[in-house]
C-alpha atoms as a PDB file:
ATOM      1  CA  MET A   1      52.101  90.270  12.501  1.00  0.00           C
ATOM      2  CA  ALA A   2      49.389  87.665  12.846  1.00  0.00           C
ATOM      3  CA  THR A   3      50.416  84.105  12.337  1.00  0.00           C
ATOM      4  CA  GLN A   4      48.095  82.100  10.131  1.00  0.00           C
ATOM      5  CA  PRO A   5      46.906  78.834  11.582  1.00  0.00           C
ATOM      6  CA  ALA A   6      48.610  75.797  10.202  1.00  0.00           C
ATOM      7  CA  ALA A   7      46.641  73.906   7.686  1.00  0.00           C
ATOM      8  CA  PRO A   8      45.220  70.730   9.119  1.00  0.00           C
ATOM      9  CA  ILE A   9      47.164  67.642   8.297  1.00  0.00           C
ATOM     10  CA  LEU A  10      45.032  65.419   6.159  1.00  0.00           C
ATOM     11  CA  ARG A  11      45.461  61.807   7.140  1.00  0.00           C
ATOM     12  CA  ARG A  12      44.571  59.089   4.711  1.00  0.00           C
ATOM     13  CA  THR A  13      42.546  56.556   6.397  1.00  0.00           C
ATOM     14  CA  VAL A  14      43.317  53.138   5.037  1.00  0.00           C
ATOM     15  CA  VAL A  15      40.209  51.024   4.954  1.00  0.00           C
ATOM     16  CA  PRO A  16      41.053  47.378   4.587  1.00  0.00           C
ATOM     17  CA  HIS A  17      39.335  45.677   1.729  1.00  0.00           C
ATOM     18  CA  ALA A  18      36.563  43.465   3.005  1.00  0.00           C
ATOM     19  CA  THR A  19      37.185  39.857   2.159  1.00  0.00           C
ATOM     20  CA  PRO A  20      34.190  38.665   0.176  1.00  0.00           C
ATOM     21  CA  GLU A  21      32.324  36.022   2.106  1.00  0.00           C
ATOM     22  CA  LYS A  22      31.949  32.705   0.474  1.00  0.00           C
ATOM     23  CA  ALA A  23      28.326  32.088  -0.300  1.00  0.00           C
ATOM     24  CA  PRO A  24      27.036  29.341   1.949  1.00  0.00           C
ATOM     25  CA  GLU A  25      26.059  26.154   0.240  1.00  0.00           C
ATOM     26  CA  SER A  26      22.378  26.035  -0.380  1.00  0.00           C
ATOM     27  CA  SER A  27      20.667  24.113   2.381  1.00  0.00           C
ATOM     28  CA  SER A  28      17.958  23.019  -0.016  1.00  0.00           C
ATOM     29  CA  SER A  29      20.447  21.424  -2.402  1.00  0.00           C
ATOM     30  CA  THR A  30      22.153  19.675   0.508  1.00  0.00           C
ATOM     31  CA  ALA A  31      18.837  18.362   1.763  1.00  0.00           C
ATOM     32  CA  GLN A  32      17.941  17.183  -1.735  1.00  0.00           C
ATOM     33  CA  GLN A  33      21.280  15.390  -2.057  1.00  0.00           C
ATOM     34  CA  GLN A  34      20.726  13.670   1.274  1.00  0.00           C
ATOM     35  CA  ALA A  35      17.225  12.675   0.205  1.00  0.00           C
ATOM     36  CA  ASP A  36      18.553  11.269  -3.071  1.00  0.00           C
ATOM     37  CA  ASN A  37      21.228   9.295  -1.233  1.00  0.00           C
ATOM     38  CA  GLY A  38      18.664   7.955   1.213  1.00  0.00           C
ATOM     39  CA  GLN A  39      16.361   6.948  -1.629  1.00  0.00           C
ATOM     40  CA  LEU A  40      19.223   5.183  -3.395  1.00  0.00           C
ATOM     41  CA  LEU A  41      20.057   3.202  -0.264  1.00  0.00           C
ATOM     42  CA  PHE A  42      16.368   2.361   0.164  1.00  0.00           C
ATOM     43  CA  SER A  43      16.124   1.075  -3.408  1.00  0.00           C
ATOM     44  CA  ILE A  44      19.312  -0.959  -3.118  1.00  0.00           C
ATOM     45  CA  GLY A  45      18.173  -2.447   0.179  1.00  0.00           C
ATOM     46  CA  ILE A  46      14.740  -3.423  -1.129  1.00  0.00           C
ATOM     47  CA  GLY A  47      16.226  -4.846  -4.326  1.00  0.00           C
ATOM     48  CA  ALA A  48      18.740  -6.883  -2.345  1.00  0.00           C
ATOM     49  CA  LEU A  49      15.973  -8.147  -0.060  1.00  0.00           C
ATOM     50  CA  TRP A  50      13.976  -9.268  -3.100  1.00  0.00           C
ATOM     51  CA  LEU A  51      16.917 -11.190  -4.537  1.00  0.00           C
ATOM     52  CA  VAL A  52      17.693 -12.807  -1.185  1.00  0.00           C
ATOM     53  CA  LEU A  53      14.084 -13.903  -0.746  1.00  0.00           C
ATOM     54  CA  LEU A  54      13.962 -15.344  -4.261  1.00  0.00           C
ATOM     55  CA  GLY A  55      17.144 -17.295  -3.704  1.00  0.00           C
ATOM     56  CA  TYR A  56      15.974 -18.497  -0.317  1.00  0.00           C
ATOM     57  CA  ALA A  57      12.547 -19.565  -1.562  1.00  0.00           C
ATOM     58  CA  PHE A  58      13.844 -21.595  -4.511  1.00  0.00           C
ATOM     59  CA  VAL A  59      17.160 -22.864  -3.152  1.00  0.00           C
ATOM     60  CA  LEU A  60      17.239 -22.995   0.642  1.00  0.00           C
ATOM     61  CA  ALA A  61      13.616 -23.393   1.716  1.00  0.00           C
ATOM     62  CA  PRO A  62      12.649 -26.977   2.657  1.00  0.00           C
ATOM     63  CA  ASN A  63      10.822 -28.926  -0.020  1.00  0.00           C
ATOM     64  CA  GLN A  64      10.203 -32.374   1.416  1.00  0.00           C
ATOM     65  CA  THR A  65       6.480 -32.497   0.650  1.00  0.00           C
ATOM     66  CA  PRO A  66       5.754 -31.057  -2.839  1.00  0.00           C
ATOM     67  CA  TYR A  67       2.758 -33.354  -3.387  1.00  0.00           C
ATOM     68  CA  ARG A  68       1.268 -32.461  -0.021  1.00  0.00           C
ATOM     69  CA  ASP A  69       1.707 -28.758  -0.811  1.00  0.00           C
ATOM     70  CA  GLN A  70      -0.518 -29.223  -3.837  1.00  0.00           C
ATOM     71  CA  ILE A  71      -3.109 -30.940  -1.667  1.00  0.00           C
ATOM     72  CA  PHE A  72      -2.994 -28.047   0.820  1.00  0.00           C
ATOM     73  CA  ILE A  73      -3.823 -25.534  -1.903  1.00  0.00           C
ATOM     74  CA  GLU A  74      -6.610 -27.687  -3.347  1.00  0.00           C
ATOM     75  CA  ARG A  75      -8.216 -28.257   0.057  1.00  0.00           C
ATOM     76  CA  ILE A  76      -8.004 -24.613   1.153  1.00  0.00           C
ATOM     77  CA  LEU A  77      -9.341 -23.270  -2.157  1.00  0.00           C
ATOM     78  CA  GLY A  78     -11.876 -26.061  -2.581  1.00  0.00           C
ATOM     79  CA  ILE A  79     -10.574 -27.117  -5.985  1.00  0.00           C
ATOM     80  CA  GLY A  80      -9.278 -30.364  -7.434  1.00  0.00           C
ATOM     81  CA  GLU A  81     -10.498 -33.882  -6.708  1.00  0.00           C
ATOM     82  CA  LYS A  82     -12.885 -34.162  -3.786  1.00  0.00           C
ATOM     83  CA  LEU A  83     -11.339 -36.798  -1.536  1.00  0.00           C
ATOM     84  CA  GLN A  84     -13.418 -38.150   1.334  1.00  0.00           C
ATOM     85  CA  ASP A  85     -10.427 -39.125   3.421  1.00  0.00           C
ATOM     86  CA  GLY A  86     -11.178 -36.899   6.397  1.00  0.00           C
ATOM     87  CA  TYR A  87      -7.897 -35.011   6.089  1.00  0.00           C
ATOM     88  CA  VAL A  88      -8.062 -31.452   7.446  1.00  0.00           C
ATOM     89  CA  VAL A  89      -5.383 -28.885   6.671  1.00  0.00           C
ATOM     90  CA  ASP A  90      -3.727 -27.472   9.772  1.00  0.00           C
ATOM     91  CA  PRO A  91      -5.920 -24.540  10.944  1.00  0.00           C
ATOM     92  CA  VAL A  92      -2.918 -22.363  11.776  1.00  0.00           C
ATOM     93  CA  PHE A  93      -1.765 -22.544   8.179  1.00  0.00           C
ATOM     94  CA  VAL A  94      -5.316 -22.077   6.887  1.00  0.00           C
ATOM     95  CA  GLY A  95      -5.516 -18.821   8.838  1.00  0.00           C
ATOM     96  CA  LEU A  96      -2.109 -17.704   7.572  1.00  0.00           C
ATOM     97  CA  PHE A  97      -2.942 -18.614   3.971  1.00  0.00           C
ATOM     98  CA  ASN A  98      -6.122 -16.531   4.048  1.00  0.00           C
ATOM     99  CA  ILE A  99      -4.370 -13.602   5.721  1.00  0.00           C
ATOM    100  CA  MET A 100      -2.060 -13.552   2.715  1.00  0.00           C
ATOM    101  CA  GLY A 101      -5.144 -12.696   0.676  1.00  0.00           C
ATOM    102  CA  ILE A 102      -5.933  -9.749   2.956  1.00  0.00           C
ATOM    103  CA  TYR A 103      -2.457  -8.241   3.007  1.00  0.00           C
ATOM    104  CA  PRO A 104      -2.381  -7.461  -0.747  1.00  0.00           C
ATOM    105  CA  ALA A 105      -5.651  -5.521  -0.423  1.00  0.00           C
ATOM    106  CA  ILE A 106      -4.137  -3.559   2.464  1.00  0.00           C
ATOM    107  CA  TYR A 107      -1.021  -2.775   0.450  1.00  0.00           C
ATOM    108  CA  ALA A 108      -3.119  -1.794  -2.554  1.00  0.00           C
ATOM    109  CA  SER A 109      -4.887   0.748  -0.330  1.00  0.00           C
ATOM    110  CA  LEU A 110      -1.549   2.104   0.915  1.00  0.00           C
ATOM    111  CA  LEU A 111       0.297   2.206  -2.409  1.00  0.00           C
ATOM    112  CA  VAL A 112      -2.522   3.751  -4.441  1.00  0.00           C
ATOM    113  CA  PRO A 113      -2.495   6.697  -4.348  1.00  0.00           C
ATOM    114  CA  ALA A 114      -0.039   7.484  -1.511  1.00  0.00           C
ATOM    115  CA  GLY A 115       2.664   5.219  -2.917  1.00  0.00           C
ATOM    116  CA  ARG A 116       2.510   6.504  -6.469  1.00  0.00           C
ATOM    117  CA  SER A 117       5.947   6.920  -7.961  1.00  0.00           C
ATOM    118  CA  GLU A 118       7.250  10.195  -9.357  1.00  0.00           C
ATOM    119  CA  ASN A 119       8.932   8.264 -12.178  1.00  0.00           C
ATOM    120  CA  LYS A 120       5.443   7.225 -13.374  1.00  0.00           C
ATOM    121  CA  ILE A 121       5.951   3.491 -12.881  1.00  0.00           C
ATOM    122  CA  PRO A 122       2.405   2.180 -12.318  1.00  0.00           C
ATOM    123  CA  ALA A 123       1.695   0.329  -9.104  1.00  0.00           C
ATOM    124  CA  TRP A 124      -1.326  -1.663 -10.249  1.00  0.00           C
ATOM    125  CA  PRO A 125       0.519  -4.500 -12.110  1.00  0.00           C
ATOM    126  CA  PHE A 126       2.626  -5.217  -9.029  1.00  0.00           C
ATOM    127  CA  VAL A 127      -0.347  -4.899  -6.680  1.00  0.00           C
ATOM    128  CA  THR A 128      -2.416  -7.259  -8.844  1.00  0.00           C
ATOM    129  CA  MET A 129       0.330  -9.884  -8.912  1.00  0.00           C
ATOM    130  CA  SER A 130       0.762  -9.582  -5.139  1.00  0.00           C
ATOM    131  CA  PHE A 131      -2.559 -11.400  -4.661  1.00  0.00           C
ATOM    132  CA  PHE A 132      -0.743 -14.458  -6.045  1.00  0.00           C
ATOM    133  CA  LEU A 133       2.904 -13.788  -5.165  1.00  0.00           C
ATOM    134  CA  GLY A 134       2.736 -11.559  -2.088  1.00  0.00           C
ATOM    135  CA  ALA A 135       5.897  -9.632  -1.273  1.00  0.00           C
ATOM    136  CA  PHE A 136       7.705 -11.229  -4.212  1.00  0.00           C
ATOM    137  CA  ALA A 137       5.540  -9.071  -6.515  1.00  0.00           C
ATOM    138  CA  LEU A 138       5.545  -5.887  -4.409  1.00  0.00           C
ATOM    139  CA  LEU A 139       9.267  -5.629  -3.671  1.00  0.00           C
ATOM    140  CA  PRO A 140      10.303  -4.790  -7.278  1.00  0.00           C
ATOM    141  CA  TYR A 141       7.883  -1.851  -7.293  1.00  0.00           C
ATOM    142  CA  MET A 142       9.161  -0.669  -3.922  1.00  0.00           C
ATOM    143  CA  ALA A 143      12.728  -0.785  -5.236  1.00  0.00           C
ATOM    144  CA  LEU A 144      11.764   1.304  -8.280  1.00  0.00           C
ATOM    145  CA  TRP A 145       9.523   3.701  -6.332  1.00  0.00           C
ATOM    146  CA  ARG A 146      10.444   7.378  -6.083  1.00  0.00           C
ATOM    147  CA  PRO A 147       8.515   9.712  -3.755  1.00  0.00           C
ATOM    148  CA  TYR A 148       7.173  12.958  -5.172  1.00  0.00           C
ATOM    149  CA  SER A 149       9.565  15.846  -4.546  1.00  0.00           C
ATOM    150  CA  ASP A 150       6.525  18.138  -4.581  1.00  0.00           C
ATOM    151  CA  PRO A 151       3.735  16.648  -2.430  1.00  0.00           C
ATOM    152  CA  ALA A 152       1.219  18.914  -4.165  1.00  0.00           C
ATOM    153  CA  ALA A 153       1.707  16.847  -7.326  1.00  0.00           C
ATOM    154  CA  ASN A 154       0.155  13.847  -5.551  1.00  0.00           C
ATOM    155  CA  PRO A 155      -2.495  15.299  -3.210  1.00  0.00           C
ATOM    156  CA  LEU A 156      -3.845  13.194  -0.355  1.00  0.00           C
ATOM    157  CA  PRO A 157      -6.583  12.284   0.205  1.00  0.00           C
ATOM    158  CA  PRO A 158      -7.090  12.067  -3.549  1.00  0.00           C
ATOM    159  CA  PRO A 159      -9.538  14.538  -5.099  1.00  0.00           C
ATOM    160  CA  SER A 160     -13.004  13.204  -5.791  1.00  0.00           C
ATOM    161  CA  SER A 161     -12.352  13.498  -9.529  1.00  0.00           C
ATOM    162  CA  GLU A 162      -9.899  10.578  -9.239  1.00  0.00           C
ATOM    163  CA  LEU A 163     -12.601   8.306  -7.842  1.00  0.00           C
ATOM    164  CA  THR A 164     -14.872   8.268 -10.879  1.00  0.00           C
ATOM    165  CA  GLY A 165     -15.008   5.460 -13.411  1.00  0.00           C
ATOM    166  CA  TRP A 166     -15.233   1.698 -13.157  1.00  0.00           C
ATOM    167  CA  ASN A 167     -11.443   1.346 -13.151  1.00  0.00           C
ATOM    168  CA  ARG A 168     -11.300   3.367  -9.929  1.00  0.00           C
ATOM    169  CA  LEU A 169     -13.730   1.097  -8.094  1.00  0.00           C
ATOM    170  CA  PHE A 170     -11.105  -0.302  -5.717  1.00  0.00           C
ATOM    171  CA  LEU A 171      -9.694   3.145  -4.954  1.00  0.00           C
ATOM    172  CA  ARG A 172     -13.201   4.425  -4.286  1.00  0.00           C
ATOM    173  CA  GLY A 173     -13.841   1.531  -1.916  1.00  0.00           C
ATOM    174  CA  ALA A 174     -10.570   2.131  -0.079  1.00  0.00           C
ATOM    175  CA  GLU A 175     -11.629   5.739   0.539  1.00  0.00           C
ATOM    176  CA  THR A 176     -14.736   4.597   2.426  1.00  0.00           C
ATOM    177  CA  PRO A 177     -15.019   2.908   5.840  1.00  0.00           C
ATOM    178  CA  ILE A 178     -16.682  -0.160   4.292  1.00  0.00           C
ATOM    179  CA  MET A 179     -13.729  -1.905   2.659  1.00  0.00           C
ATOM    180  CA  PRO A 180     -11.283  -1.272   5.542  1.00  0.00           C
ATOM    181  CA  ALA A 181     -13.924  -2.610   7.926  1.00  0.00           C
ATOM    182  CA  LEU A 182     -14.275  -5.803   5.873  1.00  0.00           C
ATOM    183  CA  LEU A 183     -10.497  -6.218   5.821  1.00  0.00           C
ATOM    184  CA  LEU A 184     -10.381  -5.731   9.587  1.00  0.00           C
ATOM    185  CA  VAL A 185     -13.119  -8.308  10.182  1.00  0.00           C
ATOM    186  CA  GLY A 186     -11.303 -10.821   7.983  1.00  0.00           C
ATOM    187  CA  ALA A 187      -7.975 -10.161   9.692  1.00  0.00           C
ATOM    188  CA  VAL A 188      -9.461 -10.605  13.168  1.00  0.00           C
ATOM    189  CA  TYR A 189     -11.268 -13.783  12.110  1.00  0.00           C
ATOM    190  CA  TYR A 190      -8.254 -15.550  10.617  1.00  0.00           C
ATOM    191  CA  ILE A 191      -5.845 -14.444  13.326  1.00  0.00           C
ATOM    192  CA  GLY A 192      -8.390 -15.688  15.838  1.00  0.00           C
ATOM    193  CA  MET A 193      -8.556 -18.992  13.963  1.00  0.00           C
ATOM    194  CA  ALA A 194      -4.807 -19.445  14.300  1.00  0.00           C
ATOM    195  CA  ALA A 195      -4.644 -18.177  17.883  1.00  0.00           C
ATOM    196  CA  THR A 196      -7.360 -20.548  19.113  1.00  0.00           C
ATOM    197  CA  ALA A 197      -6.269 -23.577  17.083  1.00  0.00           C
ATOM    198  CA  GLY A 198      -4.695 -25.238  20.106  1.00  0.00           C
ATOM    199  CA  GLY A 199      -1.250 -26.517  20.966  1.00  0.00           C
ATOM    200  CA  ASP A 200      -1.397 -29.594  18.735  1.00  0.00           C
ATOM    201  CA  ALA A 201      -2.194 -27.448  15.696  1.00  0.00           C
ATOM    202  CA  TRP A 202       0.769 -25.185  16.420  1.00  0.00           C
ATOM    203  CA  VAL A 203       3.075 -28.182  16.818  1.00  0.00           C
ATOM    204  CA  GLU A 204       1.841 -29.469  13.460  1.00  0.00           C
ATOM    205  CA  TYR A 205       2.367 -26.033  11.896  1.00  0.00           C
ATOM    206  CA  LEU A 206       5.970 -25.871  13.133  1.00  0.00           C
ATOM    207  CA  LYS A 207       6.540 -29.358  11.738  1.00  0.00           C
ATOM    208  CA  LEU A 208       5.145 -28.251   8.384  1.00  0.00           C
ATOM    209  CA  PHE A 209       7.331 -25.140   8.514  1.00  0.00           C
ATOM    210  CA  ASP A 210      10.384 -27.420   8.633  1.00  0.00           C
ATOM    211  CA  GLU A 211       9.164 -29.692   5.826  1.00  0.00           C
ATOM    212  CA  SER A 212       6.879 -27.828   3.422  1.00  0.00           C
ATOM    213  CA  ARG A 213       8.099 -25.189   0.981  1.00  0.00           C
ATOM    214  CA  LEU A 214       4.577 -23.783   0.712  1.00  0.00           C
ATOM    215  CA  VAL A 215       4.187 -23.319   4.465  1.00  0.00           C
ATOM    216  CA  HIS A 216       7.754 -22.096   4.912  1.00  0.00           C
ATOM    217  CA  VAL A 217       7.710 -19.503   2.111  1.00  0.00           C
ATOM    218  CA  THR A 218       4.209 -18.312   3.021  1.00  0.00           C
ATOM    219  CA  THR A 219       5.417 -17.662   6.557  1.00  0.00           C
ATOM    220  CA  VAL A 220       8.469 -15.747   5.310  1.00  0.00           C
ATOM    221  CA  ASP A 221       6.215 -13.791   2.949  1.00  0.00           C
ATOM    222  CA  PHE A 222       3.926 -12.866   5.845  1.00  0.00           C
ATOM    223  CA  ALA A 223       6.869 -11.725   7.964  1.00  0.00           C
ATOM    224  CA  THR A 224       8.203  -9.575   5.103  1.00  0.00           C
ATOM    225  CA  LEU A 225       4.886  -7.817   4.491  1.00  0.00           C
ATOM    226  CA  THR A 226       4.465  -7.264   8.227  1.00  0.00           C
ATOM    227  CA  ALA A 227       7.931  -5.715   8.527  1.00  0.00           C
ATOM    228  CA  LEU A 228       7.386  -3.320   5.600  1.00  0.00           C
ATOM    229  CA  ALA A 229       3.855  -2.198   6.514  1.00  0.00           C
ATOM    230  CA  PRO A 230       4.884   0.504   9.070  1.00  0.00           C
ATOM    231  CA  PHE A 231       6.887   2.400   6.429  1.00  0.00           C
ATOM    232  CA  TRP A 232       3.970   2.594   4.014  1.00  0.00           C
ATOM    233  CA  MET A 233       1.521   3.412   6.797  1.00  0.00           C
ATOM    234  CA  GLU A 234       3.758   6.321   7.810  1.00  0.00           C
ATOM    235  CA  ASN A 235       4.106   7.439   4.184  1.00  0.00           C
ATOM    236  CA  ASP A 236       0.333   7.488   3.780  1.00  0.00           C
ATOM    237  CA  ALA A 237      -0.301   9.165   7.150  1.00  0.00           C
ATOM    238  CA  VAL A 238       2.182  11.972   6.408  1.00  0.00           C
ATOM    239  CA  GLY A 239       0.530  12.699   3.064  1.00  0.00           C
ATOM    240  CA  ARG A 240      -2.928  12.768   4.616  1.00  0.00           C
ATOM    241  CA  LYS A 241      -1.729  14.848   7.583  1.00  0.00           C
ATOM    242  CA  TRP A 242      -3.300  12.418  10.038  1.00  0.00           C
ATOM    243  CA  GLU A 243      -3.452  14.114  13.431  1.00  0.00           C
ATOM    244  CA  GLN A 244      -2.856  10.887  15.381  1.00  0.00           C
ATOM    245  CA  ARG A 245       0.248   9.967  13.405  1.00  0.00           C
ATOM    246  CA  GLY A 246       2.553  10.566  16.360  1.00  0.00           C
ATOM    247  CA  THR A 247       0.443   8.769  18.964  1.00  0.00           C
ATOM    248  CA  LEU A 248      -1.710   5.992  17.540  1.00  0.00           C
ATOM    249  CA  LEU A 249       0.259   5.067  14.430  1.00  0.00           C
ATOM    250  CA  PRO A 250       3.286   3.609  16.314  1.00  0.00           C
ATOM    251  CA  VAL A 251       0.909   1.327  18.220  1.00  0.00           C
ATOM    252  CA  LEU A 252      -0.874   0.164  15.069  1.00  0.00           C
ATOM    253  CA  SER A 253       2.469  -0.488  13.386  1.00  0.00           C
ATOM    254  CA  PHE A 254       3.194  -3.268  15.888  1.00  0.00           C
ATOM    255  CA  LEU A 255      -0.027  -5.166  15.106  1.00  0.00           C
ATOM    256  CA  PRO A 256       0.372  -7.486  12.100  1.00  0.00           C
ATOM    257  CA  VAL A 257      -2.493  -7.186   9.585  1.00  0.00           C
ATOM    258  CA  ILE A 258      -4.921  -5.822  12.178  1.00  0.00           C
ATOM    259  CA  GLY A 259      -2.938  -2.611  12.724  1.00  0.00           C
ATOM    260  CA  PRO A 260      -2.831  -1.594   9.039  1.00  0.00           C
ATOM    261  CA  ALA A 261      -6.529  -2.461   8.659  1.00  0.00           C
ATOM    262  CA  ILE A 262      -7.423  -0.235  11.627  1.00  0.00           C
ATOM    263  CA  TYR A 263      -5.316   2.556  10.162  1.00  0.00           C
ATOM    264  CA  LEU A 264      -7.169   2.320   6.840  1.00  0.00           C
ATOM    265  CA  LEU A 265     -10.411   2.599   8.775  1.00  0.00           C
ATOM    266  CA  LEU A 266      -9.330   5.688  10.755  1.00  0.00           C
ATOM    267  CA  ARG A 267      -7.285   7.669   8.223  1.00  0.00           C
ATOM    268  CA  PRO A 268      -8.675  10.849   6.585  1.00  0.00           C
ATOM    269  CA  LYS A 269     -10.598   9.936   3.467  1.00  0.00           C
ATOM    270  CA  ALA A 270     -11.476  11.551   0.174  1.00  0.00           C
ATOM    271  CA  GLU A 271     -14.817  13.170  -0.461  1.00  0.00           C
ATOM    272  CA  ALA A 272     -17.241  10.985  -2.362  1.00  0.00           C
ATOM    273  CA  PRO A 273     -17.597  11.958  -6.032  1.00  0.00           C
ATOM    274  CA  LYS A 274     -20.773  13.855  -6.822  1.00  0.00           C
END
């Protein structure tokens, strides 16, 4: 009698439940958080610098010659009573004083439009006041400034439509080689004036630096604007996708006044409005 084959033993295969993987934290949100933290530190640092400079200028800076400071301004600007006493303001300080009229124009070209703030705080009131107050007027804007999270919202170079109208005259000039060239010529001239003034003039300048609040604070103002210029040059160059940003820009960043003026001359520019 034939024996029937045994039925196969069915084995239950136990499949372990897969442990659900924890979704990785979004890299974009992490990057945004880091950017926000960096921006907060930047704002706090700039705000603290502004307060320190204000306190230093009005409390700690030397002020032994307030009357002579007034005479310096009158002689350099050619205002006030015309005295025929033969007194000549130190040429080193004359050069520095005039450079402080060039720097605000350079910063105006860097902050508008590249330094526009995403929080819609306008730059022009601060830039305008910087022609009289230098870094003391620009630092509050820098502390409040927020970069655009979407670069497309602030295109660089600016479209030609933004260059029309009388109120855009400065912006239109900054987007041509003419105004940067004039700034460069002025910077070279006044730096040359100070550099070739001679040893006696530099000794006199250092003496004034220790005595005069005007000379002392103007020098500190110049140093502050020089130290901050590389950041805004880089910000502008990134937005304009300047091809020489990695090679020539670091060199220009080390040249006070002249370097930023050369950058403005070489950077990609907007098309002229039709």
